[in-house]
Structure formats: structure tokens, C-alpha cells
Amino acid sequence: MKLHYDTSSQELLVRLDGELDHHRSAMLRTEIDAALYAHMPRILVLDFQAVTFMDSSGIGLIMGRYKILQPMGGEIRIQNASAYISRVLKLAGMERLAQICEGVNA
């Protein structure tokens, strides 16, 4: 996972990779939360381009970050989601919490 904060746009970009399962999600939550509180971004961008698998813990990861950002007036954008990941996200109703952009460099 790579984190990048852009001060000009107040975006925190998180490039996720590999499998987003229970064990990995717990670690990611800790790292992303620390960056959210350190930078207080307006937008959290989760880049799913290199994610090969995601289970319900990935949904929980997004929901938890939404609960942190909402009181700060922030929002979540999910980009580069594969068709599979987009389908999982939409079935879980995540489009109500985040903007979901399918395809590479969407």
C-alpha cells in the first residue's frame, strides 16, 4: 500500500494492492486512519487498480473511513475498480457512501 497526500487538492491517495481480506484490512485501517487524522483531507481516494481480491472486510474498511470523514465534511472516491470489485461494492450499496469509478485510470 502506498499513501500520498496532495496539499493543493487536499486529497489523500491510498494505492491498495493484493488481497483485501480480514487480516490485511485490519492493518490498512490503522495506517489509513493515522494518515486521515494527520492530514485531515477533504477527499480520500482509494485506488483499487492492484487489488486482486476483496471480501466483506473491504466493505468494512470503506464504511469505517466514511464514518471518520463524514463529520469532517470529507468524502471518499474509489478509482480503478475492476468490474468484479465494482460489482461487489455496488451490491453492498457503497455508491451511497463513495463515488465509484470503474476501470483503470477512471
N, C-alpha and C. Protein backbone atom coordinates (compact mmCIF):
# COMPACT_ATOMS: atom_id res chain seq x y z
N MET A 1 0.84 -1.17 0.00
CA MET A 1 0.00 0.00 0.00
C MET A 1 0.89 1.23 0.00
N LYS A 2 0.50 2.22 -0.79
CA LYS A 2 1.22 3.48 -0.83
C LYS A 2 0.26 4.61 -0.50
N LEU A 3 0.72 5.57 0.33
CA LEU A 3 -0.06 6.74 0.70
C LEU A 3 0.58 7.97 0.10
N HIS A 4 -0.25 8.88 -0.42
CA HIS A 4 0.26 10.14 -0.94
C HIS A 4 -0.75 11.23 -0.59
N TYR A 5 -0.28 12.31 0.02
CA TYR A 5 -1.16 13.42 0.35
C TYR A 5 -0.81 14.61 -0.53
N ASP A 6 -1.80 15.15 -1.23
CA ASP A 6 -1.62 16.30 -2.10
C ASP A 6 -2.21 17.52 -1.41
N THR A 7 -1.35 18.43 -0.99
CA THR A 7 -1.81 19.60 -0.24
C THR A 7 -2.62 20.55 -1.11
N SER A 8 -2.36 20.60 -2.41
CA SER A 8 -3.09 21.54 -3.26
C SER A 8 -4.55 21.14 -3.43
N SER A 9 -4.83 19.86 -3.48
CA SER A 9 -6.21 19.40 -3.66
C SER A 9 -6.80 18.83 -2.38
N GLN A 10 -6.01 18.77 -1.32
CA GLN A 10 -6.42 18.19 -0.05
C GLN A 10 -6.94 16.77 -0.22
N GLU A 11 -6.25 16.01 -1.06
CA GLU A 11 -6.59 14.61 -1.30
C GLU A 11 -5.56 13.70 -0.66
N LEU A 12 -6.05 12.65 -0.03
CA LEU A 12 -5.18 11.57 0.44
C LEU A 12 -5.42 10.40 -0.50
N LEU A 13 -4.40 10.03 -1.26
CA LEU A 13 -4.49 8.92 -2.20
C LEU A 13 -3.88 7.69 -1.57
N VAL A 14 -4.65 6.61 -1.53
CA VAL A 14 -4.18 5.34 -0.99
C VAL A 14 -4.24 4.32 -2.12
N ARG A 15 -3.06 3.85 -2.53
CA ARG A 15 -2.99 2.82 -3.57
C ARG A 15 -2.94 1.46 -2.89
N LEU A 16 -4.03 0.75 -2.98
CA LEU A 16 -4.14 -0.58 -2.37
C LEU A 16 -3.60 -1.62 -3.34
N ASP A 17 -3.11 -2.74 -2.78
CA ASP A 17 -2.63 -3.81 -3.65
C ASP A 17 -2.87 -5.16 -3.00
N GLY A 18 -2.86 -6.17 -3.85
CA GLY A 18 -3.02 -7.54 -3.36
C GLY A 18 -4.43 -7.87 -2.93
N GLU A 19 -4.52 -8.74 -1.93
CA GLU A 19 -5.81 -9.21 -1.44
C GLU A 19 -6.28 -8.34 -0.27
N LEU A 20 -7.51 -7.93 -0.33
CA LEU A 20 -8.11 -7.12 0.73
C LEU A 20 -9.03 -8.02 1.54
N ASP A 21 -8.40 -8.77 2.46
CA ASP A 21 -9.13 -9.72 3.30
C ASP A 21 -9.08 -9.26 4.76
N HIS A 22 -9.58 -10.08 5.65
CA HIS A 22 -9.69 -9.72 7.06
C HIS A 22 -8.34 -9.30 7.66
N HIS A 23 -7.31 -10.07 7.43
CA HIS A 23 -6.01 -9.80 8.03
C HIS A 23 -5.40 -8.51 7.47
N ARG A 24 -5.48 -8.34 6.19
CA ARG A 24 -4.91 -7.16 5.53
C ARG A 24 -5.70 -5.91 5.87
N SER A 25 -7.02 -6.01 5.94
CA SER A 25 -7.87 -4.85 6.22
C SER A 25 -7.58 -4.25 7.59
N ALA A 26 -7.32 -5.08 8.57
CA ALA A 26 -7.02 -4.58 9.92
C ALA A 26 -5.77 -3.70 9.91
N MET A 27 -4.74 -4.12 9.21
CA MET A 27 -3.51 -3.35 9.11
C MET A 27 -3.76 -2.05 8.34
N LEU A 28 -4.49 -2.15 7.25
CA LEU A 28 -4.76 -0.97 6.42
C LEU A 28 -5.57 0.07 7.19
N ARG A 29 -6.54 -0.37 7.97
CA ARG A 29 -7.35 0.57 8.75
C ARG A 29 -6.46 1.43 9.64
N THR A 30 -5.53 0.80 10.32
CA THR A 30 -4.63 1.52 11.22
C THR A 30 -3.81 2.55 10.47
N GLU A 31 -3.22 2.17 9.34
CA GLU A 31 -2.38 3.08 8.57
C GLU A 31 -3.18 4.22 7.95
N ILE A 32 -4.33 3.90 7.38
CA ILE A 32 -5.14 4.92 6.73
C ILE A 32 -5.69 5.89 7.78
N ASP A 33 -6.16 5.38 8.91
CA ASP A 33 -6.69 6.25 9.96
C ASP A 33 -5.63 7.22 10.46
N ALA A 34 -4.41 6.75 10.64
CA ALA A 34 -3.32 7.63 11.09
C ALA A 34 -3.10 8.75 10.08
N ALA A 35 -3.14 8.42 8.79
CA ALA A 35 -2.95 9.43 7.75
C ALA A 35 -4.14 10.39 7.69
N LEU A 36 -5.35 9.88 7.90
CA LEU A 36 -6.54 10.75 7.90
C LEU A 36 -6.45 11.79 9.01
N TYR A 37 -6.09 11.35 10.20
CA TYR A 37 -6.01 12.28 11.33
C TYR A 37 -4.81 13.23 11.21
N ALA A 38 -3.75 12.77 10.57
CA ALA A 38 -2.57 13.62 10.40
C ALA A 38 -2.79 14.72 9.37
N HIS A 39 -3.50 14.39 8.28
CA HIS A 39 -3.66 15.33 7.16
C HIS A 39 -5.04 15.98 7.08
N MET A 40 -6.07 15.35 7.65
CA MET A 40 -7.44 15.86 7.58
C MET A 40 -7.83 16.20 6.14
N PRO A 41 -7.75 15.23 5.22
CA PRO A 41 -8.04 15.53 3.81
C PRO A 41 -9.52 15.81 3.57
N ARG A 42 -9.77 16.50 2.48
CA ARG A 42 -11.15 16.73 2.05
C ARG A 42 -11.67 15.50 1.30
N ILE A 43 -10.75 14.82 0.60
CA ILE A 43 -11.12 13.65 -0.18
C ILE A 43 -10.13 12.51 0.09
N LEU A 44 -10.67 11.33 0.37
CA LEU A 44 -9.88 10.11 0.47
C LEU A 44 -10.10 9.35 -0.82
N VAL A 45 -9.03 9.13 -1.57
CA VAL A 45 -9.11 8.38 -2.82
C VAL A 45 -8.51 7.00 -2.56
N LEU A 46 -9.33 5.98 -2.76
CA LEU A 46 -8.86 4.60 -2.63
C LEU A 46 -8.69 4.04 -4.04
N ASP A 47 -7.45 3.75 -4.41
CA ASP A 47 -7.14 3.24 -5.75
C ASP A 47 -7.06 1.71 -5.68
N PHE A 48 -7.98 1.06 -6.34
CA PHE A 48 -8.10 -0.40 -6.31
C PHE A 48 -7.44 -1.08 -7.50
N GLN A 49 -6.64 -0.37 -8.28
CA GLN A 49 -6.08 -0.93 -9.51
C GLN A 49 -5.34 -2.24 -9.28
N ALA A 50 -4.58 -2.35 -8.20
CA ALA A 50 -3.76 -3.55 -7.96
C ALA A 50 -4.40 -4.52 -6.97
N VAL A 51 -5.70 -4.34 -6.66
CA VAL A 51 -6.39 -5.25 -5.75
C VAL A 51 -6.87 -6.46 -6.55
N THR A 52 -6.47 -7.65 -6.10
CA THR A 52 -6.81 -8.87 -6.82
C THR A 52 -8.00 -9.60 -6.21
N PHE A 53 -8.33 -9.31 -4.95
CA PHE A 53 -9.43 -9.97 -4.26
C PHE A 53 -9.92 -9.06 -3.15
N MET A 54 -11.24 -9.07 -2.91
CA MET A 54 -11.79 -8.31 -1.79
C MET A 54 -12.98 -9.07 -1.23
N ASP A 55 -13.01 -9.20 0.11
CA ASP A 55 -14.18 -9.79 0.75
C ASP A 55 -14.90 -8.71 1.54
N SER A 56 -15.80 -9.09 2.42
CA SER A 56 -16.62 -8.12 3.17
C SER A 56 -15.79 -7.20 4.06
N SER A 57 -14.60 -7.61 4.41
CA SER A 57 -13.76 -6.73 5.24
C SER A 57 -13.34 -5.49 4.45
N GLY A 58 -13.27 -5.59 3.15
CA GLY A 58 -13.00 -4.41 2.31
C GLY A 58 -14.15 -3.42 2.38
N ILE A 59 -15.37 -3.93 2.43
CA ILE A 59 -16.56 -3.09 2.60
C ILE A 59 -16.48 -2.38 3.96
N GLY A 60 -16.11 -3.13 4.98
CA GLY A 60 -15.96 -2.55 6.32
C GLY A 60 -14.89 -1.48 6.35
N LEU A 61 -13.81 -1.68 5.62
CA LEU A 61 -12.74 -0.70 5.54
C LEU A 61 -13.28 0.63 5.00
N ILE A 62 -14.05 0.56 3.94
CA ILE A 62 -14.63 1.77 3.33
C ILE A 62 -15.63 2.42 4.28
N MET A 63 -16.50 1.63 4.88
CA MET A 63 -17.51 2.18 5.78
C MET A 63 -16.88 2.88 6.98
N GLY A 64 -15.86 2.30 7.54
CA GLY A 64 -15.19 2.91 8.69
C GLY A 64 -14.53 4.23 8.34
N ARG A 65 -13.90 4.32 7.15
CA ARG A 65 -13.27 5.58 6.75
C ARG A 65 -14.33 6.63 6.45
N TYR A 66 -15.48 6.20 5.93
CA TYR A 66 -16.60 7.12 5.70
C TYR A 66 -17.07 7.72 7.02
N LYS A 67 -17.16 6.90 8.05
CA LYS A 67 -17.60 7.40 9.36
C LYS A 67 -16.62 8.40 9.95
N ILE A 68 -15.36 8.28 9.63
CA ILE A 68 -14.36 9.24 10.10
C ILE A 68 -14.47 10.54 9.30
N LEU A 69 -14.60 10.43 7.97
CA LEU A 69 -14.60 11.61 7.11
C LEU A 69 -15.90 12.41 7.15
N GLN A 70 -17.01 11.74 7.34
CA GLN A 70 -18.30 12.42 7.28
C GLN A 70 -18.39 13.63 8.22
N PRO A 71 -18.04 13.51 9.51
CA PRO A 71 -18.12 14.67 10.39
C PRO A 71 -17.16 15.81 10.00
N MET A 72 -16.11 15.48 9.25
CA MET A 72 -15.13 16.48 8.81
C MET A 72 -15.55 17.12 7.48
N GLY A 73 -16.67 16.66 6.92
CA GLY A 73 -17.11 17.18 5.63
C GLY A 73 -16.36 16.57 4.47
N GLY A 74 -15.67 15.46 4.71
CA GLY A 74 -14.89 14.81 3.67
C GLY A 74 -15.69 13.81 2.88
N GLU A 75 -15.08 13.29 1.84
CA GLU A 75 -15.73 12.29 1.00
C GLU A 75 -14.73 11.24 0.54
N ILE A 76 -15.27 10.14 0.04
CA ILE A 76 -14.44 9.04 -0.45
C ILE A 76 -14.68 8.85 -1.94
N ARG A 77 -13.59 8.62 -2.66
CA ARG A 77 -13.67 8.28 -4.07
C ARG A 77 -12.92 6.97 -4.26
N ILE A 78 -13.55 6.05 -4.95
CA ILE A 78 -12.92 4.76 -5.25
C ILE A 78 -12.62 4.77 -6.75
N GLN A 79 -11.35 4.57 -7.09
CA GLN A 79 -10.99 4.62 -8.50
C GLN A 79 -10.29 3.34 -8.93
N ASN A 80 -10.30 3.13 -10.24
CA ASN A 80 -9.64 1.99 -10.86
C ASN A 80 -10.15 0.66 -10.34
N ALA A 81 -11.42 0.60 -10.02
CA ALA A 81 -12.01 -0.65 -9.54
C ALA A 81 -12.28 -1.56 -10.73
N SER A 82 -11.90 -2.82 -10.61
CA SER A 82 -12.20 -3.78 -11.66
C SER A 82 -13.71 -4.01 -11.71
N ALA A 83 -14.18 -4.66 -12.74
CA ALA A 83 -15.61 -4.95 -12.85
C ALA A 83 -16.07 -5.78 -11.65
N TYR A 84 -15.25 -6.73 -11.23
CA TYR A 84 -15.58 -7.58 -10.08
C TYR A 84 -15.70 -6.75 -8.80
N ILE A 85 -14.71 -5.91 -8.53
CA ILE A 85 -14.72 -5.08 -7.32
C ILE A 85 -15.90 -4.11 -7.38
N SER A 86 -16.13 -3.49 -8.52
CA SER A 86 -17.26 -2.56 -8.66
C SER A 86 -18.59 -3.25 -8.38
N ARG A 87 -18.73 -4.46 -8.86
CA ARG A 87 -19.97 -5.22 -8.64
C ARG A 87 -20.17 -5.51 -7.15
N VAL A 88 -19.10 -5.91 -6.47
CA VAL A 88 -19.18 -6.18 -5.03
C VAL A 88 -19.56 -4.89 -4.29
N LEU A 89 -18.91 -3.79 -4.64
CA LEU A 89 -19.18 -2.51 -3.99
C LEU A 89 -20.62 -2.06 -4.20
N LYS A 90 -21.10 -2.18 -5.41
CA LYS A 90 -22.47 -1.75 -5.71
C LYS A 90 -23.51 -2.64 -5.05
N LEU A 91 -23.26 -3.94 -5.01
CA LEU A 91 -24.18 -4.85 -4.33
C LEU A 91 -24.27 -4.53 -2.84
N ALA A 92 -23.18 -4.02 -2.27
CA ALA A 92 -23.16 -3.66 -0.86
C ALA A 92 -23.70 -2.24 -0.61
N GLY A 93 -24.04 -1.53 -1.68
CA GLY A 93 -24.60 -0.19 -1.54
C GLY A 93 -23.56 0.89 -1.28
N MET A 94 -22.32 0.62 -1.63
CA MET A 94 -21.25 1.57 -1.34
C MET A 94 -21.35 2.85 -2.17
N GLU A 95 -22.10 2.83 -3.27
CA GLU A 95 -22.22 4.05 -4.07
C GLU A 95 -22.96 5.15 -3.30
N ARG A 96 -23.62 4.80 -2.21
CA ARG A 96 -24.25 5.81 -1.36
C ARG A 96 -23.22 6.50 -0.46
N LEU A 97 -22.08 5.86 -0.26
CA LEU A 97 -21.04 6.42 0.61
C LEU A 97 -19.85 6.97 -0.16
N ALA A 98 -19.65 6.48 -1.38
CA ALA A 98 -18.45 6.84 -2.14
C ALA A 98 -18.76 6.90 -3.62
N GLN A 99 -18.02 7.73 -4.30
CA GLN A 99 -18.08 7.75 -5.76
C GLN A 99 -17.25 6.57 -6.25
N ILE A 100 -17.82 5.72 -7.10
CA ILE A 100 -17.11 4.53 -7.60
C ILE A 100 -16.82 4.71 -9.07
N CYS A 101 -15.53 4.69 -9.41
CA CYS A 101 -15.10 4.85 -10.79
C CYS A 101 -14.51 3.52 -11.25
N GLU A 102 -15.11 2.92 -12.27
CA GLU A 102 -14.62 1.64 -12.77
C GLU A 102 -13.48 1.84 -13.74
N GLY A 103 -12.73 0.79 -13.96
CA GLY A 103 -11.70 0.77 -14.99
C GLY A 103 -10.41 1.44 -14.56
N VAL A 104 -9.36 1.12 -15.28
CA VAL A 104 -8.04 1.67 -14.99
C VAL A 104 -8.03 3.15 -15.32
N ASN A 105 -7.50 3.93 -14.38
CA ASN A 105 -7.39 5.39 -14.51
C ASN A 105 -8.74 6.05 -14.77
N ALA A 106 -9.75 5.53 -14.11
CA ALA A 106 -11.10 6.07 -14.29
C ALA A 106 -11.22 7.44 -13.67
